[in-house]
């Protein structure tokens, strides 16, 4: 029986369908050949997550005639919904003989990109299958500190994702406005400064907002009893007075118009702003930020084949990892295995793509499985804050 979550996820936007259709058409024009199943690789990814030069490098790396269908989606939620649809197609297409005719469809990917926060839902609903690390020669070179990339996507003895890229929540700000103030944000505590009253945009996320306030107070994003932190609510109410609006999707234009001077957002979204480095700048807070990561996952019941494993392993080649990090608005985990002094200067000097060791060490993934009692406390605090009581 499907969960209510799966049923809800089947509501697909027209924009998502259109984006997918356009991507399919472009991919078919680029490949232009009828390849056998073993010579075709179908991958779904987040728009801008795979720089075009990487695909050209991969084709040259293969040194053989293959069909590469890379299909872009606008949101991570769309990629999860794609896994849900694939799962339904699998169930509906399976006949008594066990033959799965949908496997011929280019719409069903061999691999899909999936966000860290979506991984537990995909596992729980049996949308993906475990991966075999033995297929990858570069797997053992992934670093274990400050982030243990080989353990992060494991659940028990099963590996559910291949780490592709990562980033943090950042503070992004208008350079001209802060030049007038004579200082720039460096830590979460700066958001409470009087000069920013009514000039702040926050993510519409209880765990992010309550979490950054906990970090300001010296606690973890994943504190399991937030109601026991006596000063938390007062700090949140003081922060609320700074906020012009909450949004997880509509930060860029108000920031560029100057409606807000400072905002909180994902590093990948902020680095992708065309005016980044000119009008706006970002910083990873000194006391640590929320981490995010994207993985390559394999949809349930899709037969593993060599091309998909070669793509995963290719992404971890040191030179390719640097290329991804410089062109893709996010950092490859492989970069953390390279001594900082050996990295290109443009990457080495980028404090958003590559935060210094202390900031990264203090950063953490938001743990979604805290337990219902803890999550209930976060929800209650959020409701109380947003009601203004």
Protein backbone atom coordinates (compact mmCIF):
# COMPACT_ATOMS: atom_id res chain seq x y z
CA UNK A 1 0.00 0.00 0.00
CA UNK A 2 1.33 3.43 -0.87
CA UNK A 3 1.81 5.96 1.89
CA UNK A 4 -0.01 9.29 1.82
CA UNK A 5 3.36 10.87 1.22
CA UNK A 6 3.77 8.96 -2.02
CA UNK A 7 0.27 9.88 -3.17
CA UNK A 8 0.92 13.54 -2.46
CA UNK A 9 4.22 13.42 -4.29
CA UNK A 10 2.50 12.28 -7.48
CA UNK A 11 1.12 15.78 -7.98
CA UNK A 12 3.56 16.97 -10.64
CA UNK A 13 3.73 20.55 -11.80
CA UNK A 14 3.26 21.42 -15.47
CA UNK A 15 6.57 23.26 -15.29
CA UNK A 16 8.35 20.08 -14.20
CA UNK A 17 6.83 18.08 -17.05
CA UNK A 18 7.72 20.75 -19.59
CA UNK A 19 11.29 20.99 -18.31
CA UNK A 20 11.68 17.23 -18.53
CA UNK A 21 10.24 17.10 -22.04
CA UNK A 22 12.58 19.83 -23.26
CA UNK A 23 15.56 18.09 -21.67
CA UNK A 24 14.64 14.79 -23.33
CA UNK A 25 14.39 16.47 -26.72
CA UNK A 26 17.72 18.23 -26.35
CA UNK A 27 19.43 15.05 -25.14
CA UNK A 28 18.09 13.05 -28.09
CA UNK A 29 19.27 15.71 -30.53
CA UNK A 30 22.72 15.70 -28.97
CA UNK A 31 23.13 11.93 -29.03
CA UNK A 32 21.49 11.37 -32.38
CA UNK A 33 21.99 7.62 -32.48
CA UNK A 34 20.11 4.46 -31.63
CA UNK A 35 22.22 2.87 -28.94
CA UNK A 36 21.73 -0.54 -27.41
CA UNK A 37 20.62 -0.60 -23.75
CA UNK A 38 24.19 -1.28 -22.63
CA UNK A 39 25.39 1.78 -24.56
CA UNK A 40 22.83 4.21 -23.17
CA UNK A 41 22.99 6.08 -19.89
CA UNK A 42 19.91 7.96 -18.67
CA UNK A 43 20.49 10.33 -15.76
CA UNK A 44 18.15 12.80 -14.07
CA UNK A 45 19.77 15.71 -12.31
CA UNK A 46 19.08 19.13 -10.86
CA UNK A 47 19.34 22.00 -13.30
CA UNK A 48 22.87 23.49 -13.26
CA UNK A 49 24.18 20.56 -11.17
CA UNK A 50 26.19 19.00 -14.03
CA UNK A 51 28.32 21.56 -15.90
CA UNK A 52 28.27 21.01 -19.67
CA UNK A 53 32.08 20.62 -19.91
CA UNK A 54 31.83 17.61 -17.59
CA UNK A 55 29.61 15.77 -20.06
CA UNK A 56 32.06 16.43 -22.87
CA UNK A 57 34.90 15.17 -20.68
CA UNK A 58 32.92 12.05 -19.81
CA UNK A 59 32.21 11.26 -23.45
CA UNK A 60 35.92 11.54 -24.24
CA UNK A 61 36.73 9.49 -21.16
CA UNK A 62 34.49 6.64 -22.39
CA UNK A 63 36.20 6.64 -25.80
CA UNK A 64 33.28 4.77 -27.34
CA UNK A 65 29.98 5.48 -29.05
CA UNK A 66 27.32 5.84 -26.35
CA UNK A 67 24.05 7.67 -25.84
CA UNK A 68 24.06 10.04 -22.86
CA UNK A 69 20.59 11.30 -21.91
CA UNK A 70 20.95 13.79 -19.05
CA UNK A 71 17.54 15.17 -18.11
CA UNK A 72 17.31 18.32 -15.96
CA UNK A 73 14.66 19.08 -13.34
CA UNK A 74 14.21 22.49 -11.67
CA UNK A 75 13.82 21.34 -8.06
CA UNK A 76 15.04 18.50 -5.84
CA UNK A 77 11.39 17.78 -5.06
CA UNK A 78 10.83 17.07 -8.77
CA UNK A 79 13.61 14.48 -8.70
CA UNK A 80 11.96 12.75 -5.76
CA UNK A 81 8.61 12.83 -7.56
CA UNK A 82 10.34 11.26 -10.56
CA UNK A 83 11.41 8.34 -8.37
CA UNK A 84 7.82 7.99 -7.19
CA UNK A 85 6.53 7.89 -10.77
CA UNK A 86 9.18 5.36 -11.77
CA UNK A 87 8.14 3.17 -8.86
CA UNK A 88 4.51 3.29 -9.97
CA UNK A 89 5.46 2.46 -13.55
CA UNK A 90 7.40 -0.52 -12.30
CA UNK A 91 4.41 -1.78 -10.33
CA UNK A 92 1.90 -1.17 -13.12
CA UNK A 93 4.04 -2.57 -15.94
CA UNK A 94 5.13 -5.81 -14.31
CA UNK A 95 3.17 -8.71 -15.81
CA UNK A 96 3.00 -12.37 -14.76
CA UNK A 97 6.20 -13.24 -16.59
CA UNK A 98 8.15 -10.64 -14.66
CA UNK A 99 9.04 -8.74 -17.85
CA UNK A 100 9.38 -5.00 -17.36
CA UNK A 101 8.67 -3.28 -20.69
CA UNK A 102 9.19 0.20 -19.20
CA UNK A 103 12.93 -0.48 -19.09
CA UNK A 104 13.04 0.51 -22.73
CA UNK A 105 11.74 3.97 -21.92
CA UNK A 106 14.29 6.80 -21.84
CA UNK A 107 12.18 8.45 -19.14
CA UNK A 108 13.27 5.92 -16.50
CA UNK A 109 16.78 6.86 -15.35
CA UNK A 110 19.62 4.56 -14.47
CA UNK A 111 20.66 7.20 -11.94
CA UNK A 112 18.98 10.18 -10.32
CA UNK A 113 20.31 12.99 -8.17
CA UNK A 114 18.68 13.13 -4.73
CA UNK A 115 19.12 15.52 -1.82
CA UNK A 116 20.33 14.35 1.59
CA UNK A 117 17.04 15.27 3.25
CA UNK A 118 15.08 13.21 0.70
CA UNK A 119 17.18 10.07 1.13
CA UNK A 120 15.33 8.62 4.19
CA UNK A 121 11.95 8.99 2.42
CA UNK A 122 13.29 7.28 -0.71
CA UNK A 123 14.63 4.36 1.35
CA UNK A 124 11.49 4.07 3.47
CA UNK A 125 9.22 3.97 0.43
CA UNK A 126 11.50 1.54 -1.46
CA UNK A 127 12.09 3.96 -4.31
CA UNK A 128 15.82 3.23 -4.60
CA UNK A 129 18.16 0.26 -4.28
CA UNK A 130 21.53 -0.15 -2.56
CA UNK A 131 24.73 0.54 -4.47
CA UNK A 132 27.94 -1.49 -4.63
CA UNK A 133 31.00 0.56 -3.71
CA UNK A 134 33.28 -2.16 -5.08
CA UNK A 135 32.40 -0.90 -8.57
CA UNK A 136 34.24 2.40 -8.02
CA UNK A 137 38.02 2.74 -7.99
CA UNK A 138 37.88 6.25 -6.48
CA UNK A 139 35.55 5.34 -3.62
CA UNK A 140 38.30 4.74 -1.07
CA UNK A 141 39.84 8.15 -1.78
CA UNK A 142 36.76 10.00 -0.49
CA UNK A 143 37.70 11.73 2.77
CA UNK A 144 36.47 10.69 6.19
CA UNK A 145 37.06 14.06 7.86
CA UNK A 146 35.66 16.57 8.52
CA UNK A 147 32.74 14.76 6.85
CA UNK A 148 32.74 10.97 6.60
CA UNK A 149 31.47 10.69 3.04
CA UNK A 150 31.67 6.91 2.94
CA UNK A 151 29.40 6.54 5.96
CA UNK A 152 26.99 9.43 5.47
CA UNK A 153 24.70 7.69 2.91
CA UNK A 154 24.82 4.30 4.68
CA UNK A 155 22.00 2.80 6.67
CA UNK A 156 23.32 -0.24 8.47
CA UNK A 157 25.49 -2.22 6.07
CA UNK A 158 23.81 -0.85 2.94
CA UNK A 159 25.02 2.07 0.86
CA UNK A 160 22.12 4.06 -0.61
CA UNK A 161 23.82 6.95 -2.37
CA UNK A 162 27.07 8.06 -3.98
CA UNK A 163 28.06 11.53 -2.69
CA UNK A 164 28.25 14.00 -5.58
CA UNK A 165 28.38 17.53 -4.15
CA UNK A 166 27.76 19.50 -0.99
CA UNK A 167 27.38 23.00 0.41
CA UNK A 168 26.02 24.95 3.35
CA UNK A 169 23.40 27.44 4.38
CA UNK A 170 24.99 30.88 4.04
CA UNK A 171 24.40 34.51 4.95
CA UNK A 172 24.14 36.52 1.72
CA UNK A 173 24.22 40.31 1.80
CA UNK A 174 24.21 43.45 -0.32
CA UNK A 175 27.78 44.71 -0.65
CA UNK A 176 26.82 48.36 -1.14
CA UNK A 177 24.55 48.50 1.91
CA UNK A 178 27.16 47.01 4.19
CA UNK A 179 29.88 49.25 2.77
CA UNK A 180 27.79 52.13 4.11
CA UNK A 181 27.51 50.39 7.49
CA UNK A 182 31.25 49.77 7.63
CA UNK A 183 31.06 46.07 8.50
CA UNK A 184 30.01 42.77 6.93
CA UNK A 185 28.17 39.79 8.47
CA UNK A 186 30.44 37.05 9.78
CA UNK A 187 28.26 35.03 12.13
CA UNK A 188 24.66 34.32 13.02
CA UNK A 189 24.77 36.82 15.89
CA UNK A 190 25.10 39.66 13.35
CA UNK A 191 21.51 39.08 12.25
CA UNK A 192 20.31 40.54 15.57
CA UNK A 193 22.09 43.89 15.08
CA UNK A 194 19.89 46.97 15.25
CA UNK A 195 20.92 48.20 11.77
CA UNK A 196 19.19 45.21 10.18
CA UNK A 197 15.72 45.81 11.67
CA UNK A 198 13.23 44.97 8.90
CA UNK A 199 16.04 44.23 6.43
CA UNK A 200 16.30 40.45 6.83
CA UNK A 201 14.83 37.54 4.84
CA UNK A 202 14.85 34.11 6.46
CA UNK A 203 14.17 30.65 5.08
CA UNK A 204 10.63 29.45 5.72
CA UNK A 205 11.96 26.47 7.65
CA UNK A 206 11.62 25.86 11.39
CA UNK A 207 14.72 23.69 11.59
CA UNK A 208 16.86 26.28 9.78
CA UNK A 209 15.63 29.30 11.76
CA UNK A 210 15.50 27.63 15.16
CA UNK A 211 18.75 25.87 14.30
CA UNK A 212 20.73 29.03 13.51
CA UNK A 213 19.45 30.53 16.76
CA UNK A 214 20.61 27.46 18.64
CA UNK A 215 24.02 27.79 16.97
CA UNK A 216 24.18 31.43 18.10
CA UNK A 217 23.58 30.21 21.65
CA UNK A 218 26.24 27.51 21.38
CA UNK A 219 23.96 24.51 20.81
CA UNK A 220 23.55 22.05 17.94
CA UNK A 221 21.07 22.32 15.09
CA UNK A 222 19.91 18.90 16.30
CA UNK A 223 19.38 19.70 19.98
CA UNK A 224 16.77 17.14 21.00
CA UNK A 225 15.09 19.28 23.69
CA UNK A 226 14.92 22.83 22.32
CA UNK A 227 12.20 23.79 24.80
CA UNK A 228 14.74 23.25 27.58
CA UNK A 229 16.94 26.07 26.26
CA UNK A 230 15.68 28.94 28.45
CA UNK A 231 16.80 31.86 26.27
CA UNK A 232 15.75 30.32 22.92
CA UNK A 233 12.27 31.78 22.59
CA UNK A 234 13.37 35.28 23.60
CA UNK A 235 16.16 35.15 21.02
CA UNK A 236 13.76 33.97 18.32
CA UNK A 237 11.29 36.73 19.15
CA UNK A 238 14.08 39.30 18.92
CA UNK A 239 15.12 37.84 15.56
CA UNK A 240 11.51 38.00 14.36
CA UNK A 241 11.64 41.80 14.70
CA UNK A 242 14.47 41.87 12.15
CA UNK A 243 12.56 39.88 9.53
CA UNK A 244 10.82 41.43 6.54
CA UNK A 245 9.64 38.06 5.19
CA UNK A 246 10.19 34.30 5.26
CA UNK A 247 10.69 32.40 2.01
CA UNK A 248 12.60 29.40 0.75
CA UNK A 249 12.19 30.30 -2.93
CA UNK A 250 11.76 34.07 -3.41
CA UNK A 251 14.88 35.63 -1.90
CA UNK A 252 16.86 36.72 -4.95
CA UNK A 253 14.74 39.57 -6.34
CA UNK A 254 14.02 41.34 -3.01
CA UNK A 255 17.75 41.18 -2.28
CA UNK A 256 18.71 42.64 -5.66
CA UNK A 257 16.05 45.37 -5.35
CA UNK A 258 17.38 46.32 -1.94
CA UNK A 259 14.14 45.47 -0.12
CA UNK A 260 16.30 43.34 2.16
CA UNK A 261 19.99 43.79 2.83
CA UNK A 262 20.72 40.33 4.13
CA UNK A 263 19.17 36.90 3.63
CA UNK A 264 19.69 33.26 4.48
CA UNK A 265 19.84 30.69 1.71
CA UNK A 266 21.54 27.66 0.23
CA UNK A 267 25.07 28.25 -1.03
CA UNK A 268 24.19 26.70 -4.42
CA UNK A 269 21.31 29.17 -4.92
CA UNK A 270 23.30 32.19 -3.79
CA UNK A 271 26.36 31.39 -5.92
CA UNK A 272 24.07 31.01 -8.95
CA UNK A 273 22.81 34.61 -8.67
CA UNK A 274 24.18 36.37 -11.79
CA UNK A 275 25.15 39.43 -9.74
CA UNK A 276 27.07 37.36 -7.19
CA UNK A 277 30.43 38.93 -6.42
CA UNK A 278 29.30 42.31 -7.77
CA UNK A 279 26.12 43.32 -5.92
CA UNK A 280 25.95 40.49 -3.41
CA UNK A 281 28.39 38.42 -1.39
CA UNK A 282 27.98 35.44 0.94
CA UNK A 283 29.69 34.02 3.99
CA UNK A 284 29.59 30.74 5.91
CA UNK A 285 28.98 31.73 9.56
CA UNK A 286 31.91 31.34 11.95
CA UNK A 287 29.94 29.23 14.43
CA UNK A 288 28.98 26.74 11.71
CA UNK A 289 26.09 26.28 9.31
CA UNK A 290 23.64 23.64 8.14
CA UNK A 291 25.21 21.30 5.60
CA UNK A 292 23.45 19.86 2.56
CA UNK A 293 24.52 17.19 0.08
CA UNK A 294 23.29 15.60 -3.14
CA UNK A 295 23.77 11.93 -4.00
CA UNK A 296 23.53 9.77 -7.08
CA UNK A 297 20.94 7.08 -6.38
CA UNK A 298 19.69 4.11 -8.39
CA UNK A 299 15.90 3.71 -8.76
CA UNK A 300 14.44 0.47 -7.42
CA UNK A 301 14.43 -2.49 -9.85
CA UNK A 302 16.57 -0.74 -12.47
CA UNK A 303 19.28 -3.13 -13.56
CA UNK A 304 22.72 -1.80 -12.69
CA UNK A 305 25.00 -1.43 -15.65
CA UNK A 306 28.58 -0.42 -16.19
CA UNK A 307 27.98 3.06 -17.62
CA UNK A 308 26.22 4.30 -14.49
CA UNK A 309 29.03 3.11 -12.24
CA UNK A 310 31.61 4.63 -14.58
CA UNK A 311 29.81 7.99 -14.37
CA UNK A 312 29.80 7.93 -10.56
CA UNK A 313 33.48 7.04 -10.43
CA UNK A 314 34.33 9.63 -13.09
CA UNK A 315 32.83 12.40 -10.92
CA UNK A 316 35.39 11.59 -8.19
CA UNK A 317 38.48 11.96 -10.37
CA UNK A 318 40.43 14.81 -8.74
CA UNK A 319 40.57 16.96 -11.88
CA UNK A 320 36.87 16.45 -12.59
CA UNK A 321 36.00 17.14 -8.95
CA UNK A 322 37.80 20.48 -9.21
CA UNK A 323 35.97 21.26 -12.46
CA UNK A 324 32.61 20.49 -10.85
CA UNK A 325 33.45 22.66 -7.85
CA UNK A 326 34.48 25.64 -9.97
CA UNK A 327 31.59 25.48 -12.46
CA UNK A 328 28.69 23.88 -10.60
CA UNK A 329 27.94 26.21 -7.64
CA UNK A 330 28.79 23.42 -5.18
CA UNK A 331 31.79 21.42 -4.03
CA UNK A 332 32.74 17.84 -4.77
CA UNK A 333 33.48 15.78 -1.64
CA UNK A 334 36.67 14.65 -3.36
CA UNK A 335 38.06 18.19 -3.09
CA UNK A 336 38.31 17.78 0.69
CA UNK A 337 40.83 14.98 0.12
CA UNK A 338 43.20 17.33 -1.71
CA UNK A 339 45.61 19.49 0.32
CA UNK A 340 44.30 23.03 0.19
CA UNK A 341 47.57 24.40 -1.18
CA UNK A 342 47.30 22.04 -4.18
CA UNK A 343 43.87 23.33 -5.25
CA UNK A 344 43.35 26.04 -7.89
CA UNK A 345 43.59 29.50 -6.36
CA UNK A 346 40.04 30.42 -7.41
CA UNK A 347 38.75 27.48 -5.39
CA UNK A 348 41.19 27.81 -2.52
CA UNK A 349 40.20 31.44 -1.95
CA UNK A 350 36.45 30.87 -2.18
CA UNK A 351 35.21 30.74 1.41
CA UNK A 352 31.70 29.67 0.38
CA UNK A 353 32.71 26.72 -1.80
CA UNK A 354 35.51 25.78 0.55
CA UNK A 355 34.98 27.10 4.11
CA UNK A 356 37.97 27.11 6.42
CA UNK A 357 38.44 24.05 8.58
CA UNK A 358 36.98 25.52 11.78
CA UNK A 359 33.75 26.70 10.14
CA UNK A 360 33.32 23.39 8.39
CA UNK A 361 34.09 21.42 11.54
CA UNK A 362 31.34 23.32 13.39
CA UNK A 363 28.80 22.73 10.61
CA UNK A 364 26.36 19.83 10.65
CA UNK A 365 23.61 18.12 8.71
CA UNK A 366 20.12 18.74 10.04
CA UNK A 367 18.98 15.39 11.40
CA UNK A 368 15.40 14.72 10.34
CA UNK A 369 14.95 11.60 12.47
CA UNK A 370 15.26 13.21 15.89
CA UNK A 371 12.22 11.38 17.23
CA UNK A 372 8.64 12.57 17.34
CA UNK A 373 8.91 14.13 20.80
CA UNK A 374 11.79 16.36 19.69
CA UNK A 375 10.25 17.26 16.34
CA UNK A 376 7.01 18.16 18.10
CA UNK A 377 8.93 20.66 20.22
CA UNK A 378 10.38 22.31 17.11
CA UNK A 379 6.92 22.55 15.54
CA UNK A 380 5.43 24.03 18.70
CA UNK A 381 8.18 26.65 19.02
CA UNK A 382 7.75 27.57 15.33
CA UNK A 383 3.98 27.98 15.66
CA UNK A 384 4.45 30.11 18.76
CA UNK A 385 7.00 32.29 16.98
CA UNK A 386 4.98 32.81 13.82
CA UNK A 387 1.81 33.60 15.79
CA UNK A 388 3.79 36.22 17.68
CA UNK A 389 2.88 34.84 21.09
